[in-house]
Amino acid sequence: MRSLSRNPSKLQNLLDTINYMFSVIGISETSLKKISHAVDIDGYTSLHSYRTSQTGGGVGIYMTLDRNFKTRFDLTSVDQK
């Protein structure tokens, strides 16, 4: 799948087909320009990092709602605050 922003239902459809709830899902090359609820997945919370100065790129991570996590801004090269 290329461009999560253009294909938001493809990831959900894939997960439905697999019929398995992964604890964590990492996505690269999301091509998101801003956070969009169109890429939400039922049962998961998500964090995304996207490019503001050019198109393409970007990463996202989905975690099941029962996962505790802390965003580490000190480990990112993009200011996400």
C-alpha atoms as a PDB file:
ATOM      1  CA  MET A   1       0.000   0.000   0.000  1.00  0.00           C
ATOM      2  CA  ARG A   2       1.410   3.361  -0.922  1.00  0.00           C
ATOM      3  CA  SER A   3       0.195   6.539   0.769  1.00  0.00           C
ATOM      4  CA  LEU A   4      -1.889   5.919   3.842  1.00  0.00           C
ATOM      5  CA  SER A   5      -3.620   9.247   3.226  1.00  0.00           C
ATOM      6  CA  ARG A   6      -4.963   8.103  -0.157  1.00  0.00           C
ATOM      7  CA  ASN A   7      -5.826   4.579   0.979  1.00  0.00           C
ATOM      8  CA  PRO A   8      -7.119   4.837   4.551  1.00  0.00           C
ATOM      9  CA  SER A   9      -9.414   1.813   4.275  1.00  0.00           C
ATOM     10  CA  LYS A  10      -6.776  -0.552   2.843  1.00  0.00           C
ATOM     11  CA  LEU A  11      -4.969  -0.991   6.158  1.00  0.00           C
ATOM     12  CA  GLN A  12      -8.245  -1.596   8.008  1.00  0.00           C
ATOM     13  CA  ASN A  13      -9.301  -4.108   5.324  1.00  0.00           C
ATOM     14  CA  LEU A  14      -5.956  -5.920   5.592  1.00  0.00           C
ATOM     15  CA  LEU A  15      -6.267  -6.172   9.374  1.00  0.00           C
ATOM     16  CA  ASP A  16      -9.839  -7.432   9.040  1.00  0.00           C
ATOM     17  CA  THR A  17      -8.672 -10.105   6.571  1.00  0.00           C
ATOM     18  CA  ILE A  18      -5.804 -11.238   8.805  1.00  0.00           C
ATOM     19  CA  ASN A  19      -8.186 -11.322  11.777  1.00  0.00           C
ATOM     20  CA  TYR A  20      -5.397 -10.764  14.303  1.00  0.00           C
ATOM     21  CA  MET A  21      -4.993  -7.850  16.714  1.00  0.00           C
ATOM     22  CA  PHE A  22      -1.333  -6.815  16.605  1.00  0.00           C
ATOM     23  CA  SER A  23      -0.112  -4.971  19.714  1.00  0.00           C
ATOM     24  CA  VAL A  24       1.879  -2.464  17.646  1.00  0.00           C
ATOM     25  CA  ILE A  25       1.808  -1.613  13.934  1.00  0.00           C
ATOM     26  CA  GLY A  26       4.477   0.585  12.349  1.00  0.00           C
ATOM     27  CA  ILE A  27       3.925   2.297   9.010  1.00  0.00           C
ATOM     28  CA  SER A  28       6.472   4.133   6.863  1.00  0.00           C
ATOM     29  CA  GLU A  29       5.905   6.416   3.874  1.00  0.00           C
ATOM     30  CA  THR A  30       2.462   7.439   5.130  1.00  0.00           C
ATOM     31  CA  SER A  31       2.428  10.602   2.966  1.00  0.00           C
ATOM     32  CA  LEU A  32       0.274  12.360   5.539  1.00  0.00           C
ATOM     33  CA  LYS A  33       0.326  16.134   5.470  1.00  0.00           C
ATOM     34  CA  LYS A  34      -1.475  16.529   8.777  1.00  0.00           C
ATOM     35  CA  ILE A  35      -3.110  14.298  11.329  1.00  0.00           C
ATOM     36  CA  SER A  36      -6.322  12.929   9.913  1.00  0.00           C
ATOM     37  CA  HIS A  37      -8.945  10.851  11.678  1.00  0.00           C
ATOM     38  CA  ALA A  38      -9.525   9.166   8.318  1.00  0.00           C
ATOM     39  CA  VAL A  39      -6.504   6.970   9.116  1.00  0.00           C
ATOM     40  CA  ASP A  40      -7.787   5.891  12.538  1.00  0.00           C
ATOM     41  CA  ILE A  41      -8.064   2.142  13.130  1.00  0.00           C
ATOM     42  CA  ASP A  42     -10.673   0.733  15.498  1.00  0.00           C
ATOM     43  CA  GLY A  43      -9.096  -0.465  18.752  1.00  0.00           C
ATOM     44  CA  TYR A  44      -5.838   1.478  18.267  1.00  0.00           C
ATOM     45  CA  THR A  45      -4.391   4.819  19.234  1.00  0.00           C
ATOM     46  CA  SER A  46      -1.858   6.344  16.875  1.00  0.00           C
ATOM     47  CA  LEU A  47       1.022   8.775  16.621  1.00  0.00           C
ATOM     48  CA  HIS A  48       2.240  10.177  13.330  1.00  0.00           C
ATOM     49  CA  SER A  49       5.224  12.211  12.240  1.00  0.00           C
ATOM     50  CA  TYR A  50       4.883  13.916   8.895  1.00  0.00           C
ATOM     51  CA  ARG A  51       6.848  16.246   6.689  1.00  0.00           C
ATOM     52  CA  THR A  52       5.800  19.870   6.625  1.00  0.00           C
ATOM     53  CA  SER A  53       8.213  21.124   3.962  1.00  0.00           C
ATOM     54  CA  GLN A  54       7.738  18.555   1.187  1.00  0.00           C
ATOM     55  CA  THR A  55       5.473  15.739   0.068  1.00  0.00           C
ATOM     56  CA  GLY A  56       5.893  12.046   0.794  1.00  0.00           C
ATOM     57  CA  GLY A  57       7.634  10.403   3.689  1.00  0.00           C
ATOM     58  CA  GLY A  58       6.206  10.287   7.160  1.00  0.00           C
ATOM     59  CA  VAL A  59       5.821   7.513   9.690  1.00  0.00           C
ATOM     60  CA  GLY A  60       3.069   6.312  11.955  1.00  0.00           C
ATOM     61  CA  ILE A  61       2.677   3.894  14.799  1.00  0.00           C
ATOM     62  CA  TYR A  62      -0.544   2.285  15.960  1.00  0.00           C
ATOM     63  CA  MET A  63      -0.813   0.750  19.436  1.00  0.00           C
ATOM     64  CA  THR A  64      -3.681  -1.133  21.002  1.00  0.00           C
ATOM     65  CA  LEU A  65      -5.651   0.971  23.448  1.00  0.00           C
ATOM     66  CA  ASP A  66      -4.375  -1.079  26.406  1.00  0.00           C
ATOM     67  CA  ARG A  67      -0.737  -0.031  25.744  1.00  0.00           C
ATOM     68  CA  ASN A  68       0.787   2.582  28.004  1.00  0.00           C
ATOM     69  CA  PHE A  69       3.340   4.786  26.293  1.00  0.00           C
ATOM     70  CA  LYS A  70       5.141   8.069  26.617  1.00  0.00           C
ATOM     71  CA  THR A  71       6.067  10.229  23.647  1.00  0.00           C
ATOM     72  CA  ARG A  72       9.804  11.000  23.738  1.00  0.00           C
ATOM     73  CA  PHE A  73      10.189  14.394  22.081  1.00  0.00           C
ATOM     74  CA  ASP A  74      13.885  14.339  22.996  1.00  0.00           C
ATOM     75  CA  LEU A  75      14.397  11.466  20.521  1.00  0.00           C
ATOM     76  CA  THR A  76      12.760  13.029  17.484  1.00  0.00           C
ATOM     77  CA  SER A  77      14.262  15.351  14.924  1.00  0.00           C
ATOM     78  CA  VAL A  78      10.874  16.973  14.237  1.00  0.00           C
ATOM     79  CA  ASP A  79       9.193  19.224  16.783  1.00  0.00           C
ATOM     80  CA  GLN A  80       5.848  17.502  17.477  1.00  0.00           C
ATOM     81  CA  LYS A  81       4.820  19.477  20.588  1.00  0.00           C
END
